[in-house]
Amino acid sequence: MNCPCGNNLLYKNCCQPYHLKIRIAPTAEALMRSRYSAFVVADGDYLYETTHTSKRKGNSKNAYLKSAKNIKWIKLEIVSAGFDTVEFKAFYLNKQFETEVLHEKSNFKFEGGKWYYVDGVFY
């Protein structure tokens, strides 16, 4: 299958190695793309583990899994990417099967040799 992150690669050659902990996302953008793909494939463990510890605030791996399973993601569009920020639009279907957009500028932190999602501003 093609990778949900939109890189025009097969999932097994793109985000899956990050999900399986074979590789570590080398940039904030790569982590953002892999997190989007984790939402699509409902990988709650990866979403939890790639959220900065200061921002987990009691969210369990099951909470991330439930969130991932409750939304039908359609596509990801990267608007811009910097060293530690990524602005993106994630398209999904709402409960009425209408397309909506989550537009966010996310902040990431590089710590201990890994990138982590910290927070974001929604538009």
PDB file of N, CA and C in Angstrom:
ATOM      1  N   MET A   1       0.845  -1.185   0.000  1.00  0.00           N
ATOM      2  CA  MET A   1       0.000   0.000   0.000  1.00  0.00           C
ATOM      3  C   MET A   1       0.886   1.242   0.000  1.00  0.00           C
ATOM      4  N   ASN A   2       0.396   2.306  -0.614  1.00  0.00           N
ATOM      5  CA  ASN A   2       1.120   3.575  -0.589  1.00  0.00           C
ATOM      6  C   ASN A   2       1.063   4.159   0.817  1.00  0.00           C
ATOM      7  N   CYS A   3       2.108   4.865   1.184  1.00  0.00           N
ATOM      8  CA  CYS A   3       2.160   5.441   2.519  1.00  0.00           C
ATOM      9  C   CYS A   3       1.113   6.553   2.639  1.00  0.00           C
ATOM     10  N   PRO A   4       0.365   6.551   3.731  1.00  0.00           N
ATOM     11  CA  PRO A   4      -0.652   7.590   3.920  1.00  0.00           C
ATOM     12  C   PRO A   4      -0.085   9.001   4.001  1.00  0.00           C
ATOM     13  N   CYS A   5       1.204   9.139   4.308  1.00  0.00           N
ATOM     14  CA  CYS A   5       1.777  10.474   4.529  1.00  0.00           C
ATOM     15  C   CYS A   5       1.926  11.289   3.249  1.00  0.00           C
ATOM     16  N   GLY A   6       1.722  10.664   2.094  1.00  0.00           N
ATOM     17  CA  GLY A   6       1.760  11.394   0.845  1.00  0.00           C
ATOM     18  C   GLY A   6       3.122  11.520   0.192  1.00  0.00           C
ATOM     19  N   ASN A   7       4.089  10.772   0.638  1.00  0.00           N
ATOM     20  CA  ASN A   7       5.438  10.835   0.063  1.00  0.00           C
ATOM     21  C   ASN A   7       5.596  10.041  -1.230  1.00  0.00           C
ATOM     22  N   ASN A   8       4.529   9.445  -1.722  1.00  0.00           N
ATOM     23  CA  ASN A   8       4.557   8.629  -2.945  1.00  0.00           C
ATOM     24  C   ASN A   8       5.507   7.449  -2.853  1.00  0.00           C
ATOM     25  N   LEU A   9       5.653   6.897  -1.661  1.00  0.00           N
ATOM     26  CA  LEU A   9       6.428   5.682  -1.431  1.00  0.00           C
ATOM     27  C   LEU A   9       5.500   4.632  -0.851  1.00  0.00           C
ATOM     28  N   LEU A  10       5.927   3.382  -0.920  1.00  0.00           N
ATOM     29  CA  LEU A  10       5.173   2.344  -0.245  1.00  0.00           C
ATOM     30  C   LEU A  10       5.300   2.528   1.257  1.00  0.00           C
ATOM     31  N   TYR A  11       4.244   2.210   1.981  1.00  0.00           N
ATOM     32  CA  TYR A  11       4.241   2.329   3.442  1.00  0.00           C
ATOM     33  C   TYR A  11       5.438   1.603   4.050  1.00  0.00           C
ATOM     34  N   LYS A  12       5.743   0.409   3.543  1.00  0.00           N
ATOM     35  CA  LYS A  12       6.852  -0.380   4.110  1.00  0.00           C
ATOM     36  C   LYS A  12       8.206   0.280   3.888  1.00  0.00           C
ATOM     37  N   ASN A  13       8.305   1.205   2.921  1.00  0.00           N
ATOM     38  CA  ASN A  13       9.553   1.905   2.648  1.00  0.00           C
ATOM     39  C   ASN A  13       9.550   3.343   3.153  1.00  0.00           C
ATOM     40  N   CYS A  14       8.494   3.737   3.824  1.00  0.00           N
ATOM     41  CA  CYS A  14       8.362   5.133   4.251  1.00  0.00           C
ATOM     42  C   CYS A  14       8.162   5.200   5.763  1.00  0.00           C
ATOM     43  N   CYS A  15       6.940   5.208   6.239  1.00  0.00           N
ATOM     44  CA  CYS A  15       6.656   5.396   7.659  1.00  0.00           C
ATOM     45  C   CYS A  15       6.653   4.116   8.493  1.00  0.00           C
ATOM     46  N   GLN A  16       6.393   2.985   7.879  1.00  0.00           N
ATOM     47  CA  GLN A  16       6.332   1.747   8.662  1.00  0.00           C
ATOM     48  C   GLN A  16       7.617   1.450   9.443  1.00  0.00           C
ATOM     49  N   PRO A  17       8.815   1.677   8.868  1.00  0.00           N
ATOM     50  CA  PRO A  17      10.026   1.433   9.671  1.00  0.00           C
ATOM     51  C   PRO A  17      10.097   2.287  10.941  1.00  0.00           C
ATOM     52  N   TYR A  18       9.515   3.479  10.917  1.00  0.00           N
ATOM     53  CA  TYR A  18       9.448   4.303  12.132  1.00  0.00           C
ATOM     54  C   TYR A  18       8.470   3.674  13.124  1.00  0.00           C
ATOM     55  N   HIS A  19       7.332   3.237  12.619  1.00  0.00           N
ATOM     56  CA  HIS A  19       6.317   2.620  13.481  1.00  0.00           C
ATOM     57  C   HIS A  19       6.838   1.343  14.125  1.00  0.00           C
ATOM     58  N   LEU A  20       7.647   0.604  13.396  1.00  0.00           N
ATOM     59  CA  LEU A  20       8.199  -0.655  13.914  1.00  0.00           C
ATOM     60  C   LEU A  20       9.489  -0.453  14.712  1.00  0.00           C
ATOM     61  N   LYS A  21       9.902   0.799  14.872  1.00  0.00           N
ATOM     62  CA  LYS A  21      11.121   1.163  15.610  1.00  0.00           C
ATOM     63  C   LYS A  21      12.390   0.609  14.965  1.00  0.00           C
ATOM     64  N   ILE A  22      12.349   0.436  13.650  1.00  0.00           N
ATOM     65  CA  ILE A  22      13.536   0.016  12.893  1.00  0.00           C
ATOM     66  C   ILE A  22      14.385   1.245  12.596  1.00  0.00           C
ATOM     67  N   ARG A  23      13.715   2.370  12.367  1.00  0.00           N
ATOM     68  CA  ARG A  23      14.382   3.644  12.104  1.00  0.00           C
ATOM     69  C   ARG A  23      13.760   4.720  12.982  1.00  0.00           C
ATOM     70  N   ILE A  24      14.505   5.808  13.160  1.00  0.00           N
ATOM     71  CA  ILE A  24      14.017   6.965  13.915  1.00  0.00           C
ATOM     72  C   ILE A  24      13.825   8.107  12.922  1.00  0.00           C
ATOM     73  N   ALA A  25      12.724   8.797  13.027  1.00  0.00           N
ATOM     74  CA  ALA A  25      12.446   9.935  12.133  1.00  0.00           C
ATOM     75  C   ALA A  25      13.585  10.947  12.238  1.00  0.00           C
ATOM     76  N   PRO A  26      14.234  11.278  11.103  1.00  0.00           N
ATOM     77  CA  PRO A  26      15.410  12.149  11.149  1.00  0.00           C
ATOM     78  C   PRO A  26      15.109  13.643  11.227  1.00  0.00           C
ATOM     79  N   THR A  27      13.873  14.041  10.952  1.00  0.00           N
ATOM     80  CA  THR A  27      13.508  15.460  10.963  1.00  0.00           C
ATOM     81  C   THR A  27      12.129  15.622  11.587  1.00  0.00           C
ATOM     82  N   ALA A  28      11.820  16.867  11.934  1.00  0.00           N
ATOM     83  CA  ALA A  28      10.480  17.165  12.452  1.00  0.00           C
ATOM     84  C   ALA A  28       9.413  16.816  11.413  1.00  0.00           C
ATOM     85  N   GLU A  29       9.685  17.131  10.145  1.00  0.00           N
ATOM     86  CA  GLU A  29       8.712  16.811   9.097  1.00  0.00           C
ATOM     87  C   GLU A  29       8.501  15.308   8.963  1.00  0.00           C
ATOM     88  N   ALA A  30       9.581  14.543   9.017  1.00  0.00           N
ATOM     89  CA  ALA A  30       9.457  13.082   8.924  1.00  0.00           C
ATOM     90  C   ALA A  30       8.642  12.548  10.102  1.00  0.00           C
ATOM     91  N   LEU A  31       8.854  13.108  11.290  1.00  0.00           N
ATOM     92  CA  LEU A  31       8.071  12.666  12.444  1.00  0.00           C
ATOM     93  C   LEU A  31       6.607  13.040  12.259  1.00  0.00           C
ATOM     94  N   MET A  32       6.351  14.253  11.772  1.00  0.00           N
ATOM     95  CA  MET A  32       4.969  14.679  11.560  1.00  0.00           C
ATOM     96  C   MET A  32       4.266  13.757  10.567  1.00  0.00           C
ATOM     97  N   ARG A  33       4.943  13.455   9.467  1.00  0.00           N
ATOM     98  CA  ARG A  33       4.368  12.556   8.466  1.00  0.00           C
ATOM     99  C   ARG A  33       4.112  11.170   9.068  1.00  0.00           C
ATOM    100  N   SER A  34       5.053  10.691   9.844  1.00  0.00           N
ATOM    101  CA  SER A  34       4.902   9.357  10.434  1.00  0.00           C
ATOM    102  C   SER A  34       3.789   9.339  11.472  1.00  0.00           C
ATOM    103  N   ARG A  35       3.590  10.442  12.173  1.00  0.00           N
ATOM    104  CA  ARG A  35       2.482  10.518  13.131  1.00  0.00           C
ATOM    105  C   ARG A  35       1.134  10.539  12.399  1.00  0.00           C
ATOM    106  N   TYR A  36       1.067  11.272  11.299  1.00  0.00           N
ATOM    107  CA  TYR A  36      -0.168  11.251  10.497  1.00  0.00           C
ATOM    108  C   TYR A  36      -0.463   9.810  10.054  1.00  0.00           C
ATOM    109  N   SER A  37       0.562   9.143   9.531  1.00  0.00           N
ATOM    110  CA  SER A  37       0.384   7.748   9.099  1.00  0.00           C
ATOM    111  C   SER A  37      -0.023   6.862  10.264  1.00  0.00           C
ATOM    112  N   ALA A  38       0.506   7.139  11.455  1.00  0.00           N
ATOM    113  CA  ALA A  38       0.134   6.358  12.640  1.00  0.00           C
ATOM    114  C   ALA A  38      -1.345   6.558  12.970  1.00  0.00           C
ATOM    115  N   PHE A  39      -1.866   7.761  12.760  1.00  0.00           N
ATOM    116  CA  PHE A  39      -3.305   7.974  12.949  1.00  0.00           C
ATOM    117  C   PHE A  39      -4.093   7.152  11.923  1.00  0.00           C
ATOM    118  N   VAL A  40      -3.629   7.133  10.680  1.00  0.00           N
ATOM    119  CA  VAL A  40      -4.337   6.396   9.622  1.00  0.00           C
ATOM    120  C   VAL A  40      -4.359   4.900   9.917  1.00  0.00           C
ATOM    121  N   VAL A  41      -3.238   4.343  10.353  1.00  0.00           N
ATOM    122  CA  VAL A  41      -3.160   2.893  10.606  1.00  0.00           C
ATOM    123  C   VAL A  41      -3.483   2.538  12.053  1.00  0.00           C
ATOM    124  N   ALA A  42      -3.881   3.535  12.842  1.00  0.00           N
ATOM    125  CA  ALA A  42      -4.272   3.356  14.248  1.00  0.00           C
ATOM    126  C   ALA A  42      -3.169   2.716  15.086  1.00  0.00           C
ATOM    127  N   ASP A  43      -1.999   3.355  15.088  1.00  0.00           N
ATOM    128  CA  ASP A  43      -0.867   2.906  15.898  1.00  0.00           C
ATOM    129  C   ASP A  43      -0.760   3.814  17.127  1.00  0.00           C
ATOM    130  N   GLY A  44      -1.567   3.507  18.130  1.00  0.00           N
ATOM    131  CA  GLY A  44      -1.608   4.307  19.345  1.00  0.00           C
ATOM    132  C   GLY A  44      -0.294   4.328  20.101  1.00  0.00           C
ATOM    133  N   ASP A  45       0.429   3.230  20.089  1.00  0.00           N
ATOM    134  CA  ASP A  45       1.718   3.170  20.778  1.00  0.00           C
ATOM    135  C   ASP A  45       2.681   4.198  20.201  1.00  0.00           C
ATOM    136  N   TYR A  46       2.764   4.262  18.875  1.00  0.00           N
ATOM    137  CA  TYR A  46       3.685   5.200  18.229  1.00  0.00           C
ATOM    138  C   TYR A  46       3.281   6.641  18.528  1.00  0.00           C
ATOM    139  N   LEU A  47       2.001   6.931  18.493  1.00  0.00           N
ATOM    140  CA  LEU A  47       1.532   8.284  18.777  1.00  0.00           C
ATOM    141  C   LEU A  47       1.878   8.693  20.205  1.00  0.00           C
ATOM    142  N   TYR A  48       1.680   7.791  21.132  1.00  0.00           N
ATOM    143  CA  TYR A  48       2.010   8.059  22.531  1.00  0.00           C
ATOM    144  C   TYR A  48       3.514   8.273  22.703  1.00  0.00           C
ATOM    145  N   GLU A  49       4.296   7.381  22.136  1.00  0.00           N
ATOM    146  CA  GLU A  49       5.750   7.412  22.312  1.00  0.00           C
ATOM    147  C   GLU A  49       6.415   8.597  21.624  1.00  0.00           C
ATOM    148  N   THR A  50       5.782   9.167  20.606  1.00  0.00           N
ATOM    149  CA  THR A  50       6.375  10.301  19.897  1.00  0.00           C
ATOM    150  C   THR A  50       5.805  11.645  20.357  1.00  0.00           C
ATOM    151  N   THR A  51       4.964  11.621  21.372  1.00  0.00           N
ATOM    152  CA  THR A  51       4.507  12.849  22.023  1.00  0.00           C
ATOM    153  C   THR A  51       5.466  13.139  23.161  1.00  0.00           C
ATOM    154  N   HIS A  52       5.924  14.362  23.256  1.00  0.00           N
ATOM    155  CA  HIS A  52       6.873  14.724  24.310  1.00  0.00           C
ATOM    156  C   HIS A  52       6.270  14.402  25.675  1.00  0.00           C
ATOM    157  N   THR A  53       7.090  13.874  26.570  1.00  0.00           N
ATOM    158  CA  THR A  53       6.595  13.449  27.886  1.00  0.00           C
ATOM    159  C   THR A  53       5.898  14.574  28.646  1.00  0.00           C
ATOM    160  N   SER A  54       6.321  15.813  28.430  1.00  0.00           N
ATOM    161  CA  SER A  54       5.692  16.943  29.123  1.00  0.00           C
ATOM    162  C   SER A  54       4.281  17.223  28.623  1.00  0.00           C
ATOM    163  N   LYS A  55       3.899  16.630  27.506  1.00  0.00           N
ATOM    164  CA  LYS A  55       2.594  16.907  26.896  1.00  0.00           C
ATOM    165  C   LYS A  55       1.633  15.721  26.908  1.00  0.00           C
ATOM    166  N   ARG A  56       2.030  14.610  27.472  1.00  0.00           N
ATOM    167  CA  ARG A  56       1.144  13.434  27.481  1.00  0.00           C
ATOM    168  C   ARG A  56      -0.023  13.622  28.434  1.00  0.00           C
ATOM    169  N   LYS A  57       0.180  14.320  29.521  1.00  0.00           N
ATOM    170  CA  LYS A  57      -0.863  14.702  30.483  1.00  0.00           C
ATOM    171  C   LYS A  57      -1.887  13.611  30.761  1.00  0.00           C
ATOM    172  N   GLY A  58      -1.425  12.444  31.082  1.00  0.00           N
ATOM    173  CA  GLY A  58      -2.328  11.369  31.447  1.00  0.00           C
ATOM    174  C   GLY A  58      -2.970  10.654  30.277  1.00  0.00           C
ATOM    175  N   ASN A  59      -2.701  11.080  29.046  1.00  0.00           N
ATOM    176  CA  ASN A  59      -3.235  10.353  27.895  1.00  0.00           C
ATOM    177  C   ASN A  59      -2.537   9.007  27.796  1.00  0.00           C
ATOM    178  N   SER A  60      -3.303   7.964  27.744  1.00  0.00           N
ATOM    179  CA  SER A  60      -2.747   6.620  27.638  1.00  0.00           C
ATOM    180  C   SER A  60      -2.581   6.229  26.177  1.00  0.00           C
ATOM    181  N   LYS A  61      -1.880   5.153  25.958  1.00  0.00           N
ATOM    182  CA  LYS A  61      -1.751   4.626  24.598  1.00  0.00           C
ATOM    183  C   LYS A  61      -3.131   4.283  24.046  1.00  0.00           C
ATOM    184  N   ASN A  62      -4.009   3.794  24.909  1.00  0.00           N
ATOM    185  CA  ASN A  62      -5.371   3.465  24.467  1.00  0.00           C
ATOM    186  C   ASN A  62      -6.150   4.702  24.043  1.00  0.00           C
ATOM    187  N   ALA A  63      -5.903   5.832  24.701  1.00  0.00           N
ATOM    188  CA  ALA A  63      -6.586   7.077  24.313  1.00  0.00           C
ATOM    189  C   ALA A  63      -6.150   7.498  22.918  1.00  0.00           C
ATOM    190  N   TYR A  64      -4.855   7.377  22.625  1.00  0.00           N
ATOM    191  CA  TYR A  64      -4.374   7.694  21.281  1.00  0.00           C
ATOM    192  C   TYR A  64      -4.962   6.729  20.256  1.00  0.00           C
ATOM    193  N   LEU A  65      -5.041   5.453  20.615  1.00  0.00           N
ATOM    194  CA  LEU A  65      -5.607   4.449  19.713  1.00  0.00           C
ATOM    195  C   LEU A  65      -7.075   4.751  19.429  1.00  0.00           C
ATOM    196  N   LYS A  66      -7.835   5.074  20.461  1.00  0.00           N
ATOM    197  CA  LYS A  66      -9.257   5.392  20.286  1.00  0.00           C
ATOM    198  C   LYS A  66      -9.428   6.603  19.383  1.00  0.00           C
ATOM    199  N   SER A  67      -8.612   7.623  19.603  1.00  0.00           N
ATOM    200  CA  SER A  67      -8.675   8.820  18.768  1.00  0.00           C
ATOM    201  C   SER A  67      -8.381   8.487  17.312  1.00  0.00           C
ATOM    202  N   ALA A  68      -7.375   7.667  17.081  1.00  0.00           N
ATOM    203  CA  ALA A  68      -6.985   7.291  15.714  1.00  0.00           C
ATOM    204  C   ALA A  68      -8.097   6.504  15.020  1.00  0.00           C
ATOM    205  N   LYS A  69      -8.750   5.633  15.750  1.00  0.00           N
ATOM    206  CA  LYS A  69      -9.789   4.782  15.149  1.00  0.00           C
ATOM    207  C   LYS A  69     -11.094   5.528  14.876  1.00  0.00           C
ATOM    208  N   ASN A  70     -11.290   6.676  15.525  1.00  0.00           N
ATOM    209  CA  ASN A  70     -12.555   7.393  15.395  1.00  0.00           C
ATOM    210  C   ASN A  70     -12.620   8.348  14.208  1.00  0.00           C
ATOM    211  N   ILE A  71     -11.528   8.483  13.473  1.00  0.00           N
ATOM    212  CA  ILE A  71     -11.510   9.422  12.348  1.00  0.00           C
ATOM    213  C   ILE A  71     -11.044   8.713  11.081  1.00  0.00           C
ATOM    214  N   LYS A  72     -11.705   9.016   9.975  1.00  0.00           N
ATOM    215  CA  LYS A  72     -11.301   8.500   8.664  1.00  0.00           C
ATOM    216  C   LYS A  72     -10.473   9.582   7.982  1.00  0.00           C
ATOM    217  N   TRP A  73      -9.151   9.405   8.004  1.00  0.00           N
ATOM    218  CA  TRP A  73      -8.235  10.363   7.397  1.00  0.00           C
ATOM    219  C   TRP A  73      -8.162  10.144   5.902  1.00  0.00           C
ATOM    220  N   ILE A  74      -8.111  11.230   5.139  1.00  0.00           N
ATOM    221  CA  ILE A  74      -8.115  11.151   3.679  1.00  0.00           C
ATOM    222  C   ILE A  74      -6.748  11.441   3.088  1.00  0.00           C
ATOM    223  N   LYS A  75      -6.165  12.582   3.464  1.00  0.00           N
ATOM    224  CA  LYS A  75      -4.847  12.928   2.905  1.00  0.00           C
ATOM    225  C   LYS A  75      -4.171  13.977   3.759  1.00  0.00           C
ATOM    226  N   LEU A  76      -2.858  14.064   3.572  1.00  0.00           N
ATOM    227  CA  LEU A  76      -2.028  15.038   4.265  1.00  0.00           C
ATOM    228  C   LEU A  76      -1.394  15.971   3.257  1.00  0.00           C
ATOM    229  N   GLU A  77      -1.392  17.250   3.593  1.00  0.00           N
ATOM    230  CA  GLU A  77      -0.741  18.262   2.755  1.00  0.00           C
ATOM    231  C   GLU A  77       0.192  19.073   3.653  1.00  0.00           C
ATOM    232  N   ILE A  78       1.484  19.075   3.344  1.00  0.00           N
ATOM    233  CA  ILE A  78       2.443  19.882   4.089  1.00  0.00           C
ATOM    234  C   ILE A  78       2.427  21.288   3.494  1.00  0.00           C
ATOM    235  N   VAL A  79       2.151  22.290   4.311  1.00  0.00           N
ATOM    236  CA  VAL A  79       2.126  23.683   3.874  1.00  0.00           C
ATOM    237  C   VAL A  79       3.537  24.251   3.921  1.00  0.00           C
ATOM    238  N   SER A  80       4.233  24.020   5.038  1.00  0.00           N
ATOM    239  CA  SER A  80       5.619  24.464   5.183  1.00  0.00           C
ATOM    240  C   SER A  80       6.279  23.660   6.295  1.00  0.00           C
ATOM    241  N   ALA A  81       7.599  23.553   6.218  1.00  0.00           N
ATOM    242  CA  ALA A  81       8.348  22.821   7.239  1.00  0.00           C
ATOM    243  C   ALA A  81       9.640  23.562   7.536  1.00  0.00           C
ATOM    244  N   GLY A  82       9.904  23.777   8.806  1.00  0.00           N
ATOM    245  CA  GLY A  82      11.142  24.386   9.260  1.00  0.00           C
ATOM    246  C   GLY A  82      11.926  23.372  10.070  1.00  0.00           C
ATOM    247  N   PHE A  83      12.894  23.829  10.802  1.00  0.00           N
ATOM    248  CA  PHE A  83      13.710  22.918  11.606  1.00  0.00           C
ATOM    249  C   PHE A  83      12.879  22.194  12.652  1.00  0.00           C
ATOM    250  N   ASP A  84      12.070  22.947  13.413  1.00  0.00           N
ATOM    251  CA  ASP A  84      11.304  22.323  14.495  1.00  0.00           C
ATOM    252  C   ASP A  84       9.811  22.649  14.444  1.00  0.00           C
ATOM    253  N   THR A  85       9.335  23.079  13.276  1.00  0.00           N
ATOM    254  CA  THR A  85       7.907  23.330  13.087  1.00  0.00           C
ATOM    255  C   THR A  85       7.455  22.762  11.743  1.00  0.00           C
ATOM    256  N   VAL A  86       6.207  22.347  11.709  1.00  0.00           N
ATOM    257  CA  VAL A  86       5.605  21.871  10.460  1.00  0.00           C
ATOM    258  C   VAL A  86       4.168  22.366  10.422  1.00  0.00           C
ATOM    259  N   GLU A  87       3.833  23.084   9.358  1.00  0.00           N
ATOM    260  CA  GLU A  87       2.451  23.494   9.138  1.00  0.00           C
ATOM    261  C   GLU A  87       1.847  22.529   8.130  1.00  0.00           C
ATOM    262  N   PHE A  88       0.680  22.015   8.456  1.00  0.00           N
ATOM    263  CA  PHE A  88       0.063  21.011   7.588  1.00  0.00           C
ATOM    264  C   PHE A  88      -1.447  21.154   7.584  1.00  0.00           C
ATOM    265  N   LYS A  89      -2.039  20.509   6.590  1.00  0.00           N
ATOM    266  CA  LYS A  89      -3.485  20.347   6.513  1.00  0.00           C
ATOM    267  C   LYS A  89      -3.753  18.849   6.402  1.00  0.00           C
ATOM    268  N   ALA A  90      -4.549  18.344   7.315  1.00  0.00           N
ATOM    269  CA  ALA A  90      -4.941  16.934   7.300  1.00  0.00           C
ATOM    270  C   ALA A  90      -6.438  16.877   7.001  1.00  0.00           C
ATOM    271  N   PHE A  91      -6.783  16.211   5.932  1.00  0.00           N
ATOM    272  CA  PHE A  91      -8.173  16.117   5.481  1.00  0.00           C
ATOM    273  C   PHE A  91      -8.796  14.836   6.012  1.00  0.00           C
ATOM    274  N   TYR A  92     -10.031  14.941   6.491  1.00  0.00           N
ATOM    275  CA  TYR A  92     -10.724  13.780   7.064  1.00  0.00           C
ATOM    276  C   TYR A  92     -12.221  13.890   6.818  1.00  0.00           C
ATOM    277  N   LEU A  93     -12.906  12.789   7.035  1.00  0.00           N
ATOM    278  CA  LEU A  93     -14.369  12.768   6.908  1.00  0.00           C
ATOM    279  C   LEU A  93     -14.988  12.921   8.289  1.00  0.00           C
ATOM    280  N   ASN A  94     -15.977  13.822   8.396  1.00  0.00           N
ATOM    281  CA  ASN A  94     -16.685  13.958   9.662  1.00  0.00           C
ATOM    282  C   ASN A  94     -17.794  12.898   9.741  1.00  0.00           C
ATOM    283  N   LYS A  95     -18.602  12.961  10.787  1.00  0.00           N
ATOM    284  CA  LYS A  95     -19.637  11.936  10.993  1.00  0.00           C
ATOM    285  C   LYS A  95     -20.734  11.973   9.933  1.00  0.00           C
ATOM    286  N   GLN A  96     -20.845  13.101   9.220  1.00  0.00           N
ATOM    287  CA  GLN A  96     -21.815  13.210   8.125  1.00  0.00           C
ATOM    288  C   GLN A  96     -21.156  12.868   6.783  1.00  0.00           C
ATOM    289  N   PHE A  97     -19.955  12.331   6.829  1.00  0.00           N
ATOM    290  CA  PHE A  97     -19.178  11.953   5.639  1.00  0.00           C
ATOM    291  C   PHE A  97     -18.866  13.148   4.742  1.00  0.00           C
ATOM    292  N   GLU A  98     -18.684  14.306   5.385  1.00  0.00           N
ATOM    293  CA  GLU A  98     -18.260  15.503   4.674  1.00  0.00           C
ATOM    294  C   GLU A  98     -16.783  15.729   4.962  1.00  0.00           C
ATOM    295  N   THR A  99     -16.062  16.234   3.977  1.00  0.00           N
ATOM    296  CA  THR A  99     -14.636  16.480   4.148  1.00  0.00           C
ATOM    297  C   THR A  99     -14.402  17.728   4.996  1.00  0.00           C
ATOM    298  N   GLU A 100     -13.539  17.581   5.993  1.00  0.00           N
ATOM    299  CA  GLU A 100     -13.118  18.705   6.823  1.00  0.00           C
ATOM    300  C   GLU A 100     -11.601  18.740   6.834  1.00  0.00           C
ATOM    301  N   VAL A 101     -11.045  19.841   7.337  1.00  0.00           N
ATOM    302  CA  VAL A 101      -9.598  20.027   7.342  1.00  0.00           C
ATOM    303  C   VAL A 101      -9.124  20.407   8.737  1.00  0.00           C
ATOM    304  N   LEU A 102      -8.118  19.716   9.187  1.00  0.00           N
ATOM    305  CA  LEU A 102      -7.406  20.086  10.395  1.00  0.00           C
ATOM    306  C   LEU A 102      -6.156  20.824   9.931  1.00  0.00           C
ATOM    307  N   HIS A 103      -6.087  22.128  10.193  1.00  0.00           N
ATOM    308  CA  HIS A 103      -4.958  22.953   9.754  1.00  0.00           C
ATOM    309  C   HIS A 103      -4.197  23.342  11.017  1.00  0.00           C
ATOM    310  N   GLU A 104      -2.947  22.908  11.098  1.00  0.00           N
ATOM    311  CA  GLU A 104      -2.166  23.108  12.321  1.00  0.00           C
ATOM    312  C   GLU A 104      -0.722  23.463  11.986  1.00  0.00           C
ATOM    313  N   LYS A 105      -0.137  24.281  12.835  1.00  0.00           N
ATOM    314  CA  LYS A 105       1.310  24.498  12.811  1.00  0.00           C
ATOM    315  C   LYS A 105       1.832  23.836  14.080  1.00  0.00           C
ATOM    316  N   SER A 106       2.533  22.710  13.910  1.00  0.00           N
ATOM    317  CA  SER A 106       3.002  21.900  15.025  1.00  0.00           C
ATOM    318  C   SER A 106       4.420  22.268  15.425  1.00  0.00           C
ATOM    319  N   ASN A 107       4.677  22.134  16.703  1.00  0.00           N
ATOM    320  CA  ASN A 107       6.006  22.357  17.264  1.00  0.00           C
ATOM    321  C   ASN A 107       6.599  21.032  17.710  1.00  0.00           C
ATOM    322  N   PHE A 108       7.867  20.854  17.420  1.00  0.00           N
ATOM    323  CA  PHE A 108       8.571  19.613  17.743  1.00  0.00           C
ATOM    324  C   PHE A 108       9.822  19.926  18.537  1.00  0.00           C
ATOM    325  N   LYS A 109      10.280  18.942  19.294  1.00  0.00           N
ATOM    326  CA  LYS A 109      11.489  19.104  20.100  1.00  0.00           C
ATOM    327  C   LYS A 109      12.408  17.916  19.857  1.00  0.00           C
ATOM    328  N   PHE A 110      13.681  18.207  19.621  1.00  0.00           N
ATOM    329  CA  PHE A 110      14.689  17.159  19.441  1.00  0.00           C
ATOM    330  C   PHE A 110      15.360  16.946  20.790  1.00  0.00           C
ATOM    331  N   GLU A 111      15.214  15.730  21.305  1.00  0.00           N
ATOM    332  CA  GLU A 111      15.717  15.436  22.647  1.00  0.00           C
ATOM    333  C   GLU A 111      16.177  13.986  22.718  1.00  0.00           C
ATOM    334  N   GLY A 112      17.364  13.772  23.236  1.00  0.00           N
ATOM    335  CA  GLY A 112      17.862  12.404  23.390  1.00  0.00           C
ATOM    336  C   GLY A 112      18.007  11.672  22.072  1.00  0.00           C
ATOM    337  N   GLY A 113      18.283  12.412  20.992  1.00  0.00           N
ATOM    338  CA  GLY A 113      18.469  11.799  19.688  1.00  0.00           C
ATOM    339  C   GLY A 113      17.193  11.492  18.931  1.00  0.00           C
ATOM    340  N   LYS A 114      16.045  11.967  19.443  1.00  0.00           N
ATOM    341  CA  LYS A 114      14.760  11.707  18.788  1.00  0.00           C
ATOM    342  C   LYS A 114      13.927  12.980  18.744  1.00  0.00           C
ATOM    343  N   TRP A 115      13.056  13.041  17.734  1.00  0.00           N
ATOM    344  CA  TRP A 115      12.087  14.123  17.622  1.00  0.00           C
ATOM    345  C   TRP A 115      10.803  13.748  18.356  1.00  0.00           C
ATOM    346  N   TYR A 116      10.170  14.743  18.977  1.00  0.00           N
ATOM    347  CA  TYR A 116       8.902  14.556  19.669  1.00  0.00           C
ATOM    348  C   TYR A 116       7.939  15.676  19.295  1.00  0.00           C
ATOM    349  N   TYR A 117       6.660  15.337  19.180  1.00  0.00           N
ATOM    350  CA  TYR A 117       5.601  16.329  19.003  1.00  0.00           C
ATOM    351  C   TYR A 117       5.385  17.006  20.350  1.00  0.00           C
ATOM    352  N   VAL A 118       5.307  18.342  20.339  1.00  0.00           N
ATOM    353  CA  VAL A 118       5.091  19.089  21.581  1.00  0.00           C
ATOM    354  C   VAL A 118       3.674  19.650  21.622  1.00  0.00           C
ATOM    355  N   ASP A 119       3.341  20.493  20.661  1.00  0.00           N
ATOM    356  CA  ASP A 119       2.010  21.096  20.622  1.00  0.00           C
ATOM    357  C   ASP A 119       1.812  21.759  19.271  1.00  0.00           C
ATOM    358  N   GLY A 120       0.679  22.425  19.123  1.00  0.00           N
ATOM    359  CA  GLY A 120       0.408  23.074  17.855  1.00  0.00           C
ATOM    360  C   GLY A 120      -0.609  24.185  17.976  1.00  0.00           C
ATOM    361  N   VAL A 121      -0.620  25.031  16.969  1.00  0.00           N
ATOM    362  CA  VAL A 121      -1.589  26.111  16.847  1.00  0.00           C
ATOM    363  C   VAL A 121      -2.523  25.753  15.708  1.00  0.00           C
ATOM    364  N   PHE A 122      -3.823  25.814  15.967  1.00  0.00           N
ATOM    365  CA  PHE A 122      -4.805  25.476  14.939  1.00  0.00           C
ATOM    366  C   PHE A 122      -5.283  26.725  14.226  1.00  0.00           C
ATOM    367  N   TYR A 123      -5.556  26.573  12.943  1.00  0.00           N
ATOM    368  CA  TYR A 123      -6.069  27.668  12.125  1.00  0.00           C
ATOM    369  C   TYR A 123      -7.495  27.385  11.714  1.00  0.00           C
TER     370      TYR A 123
END
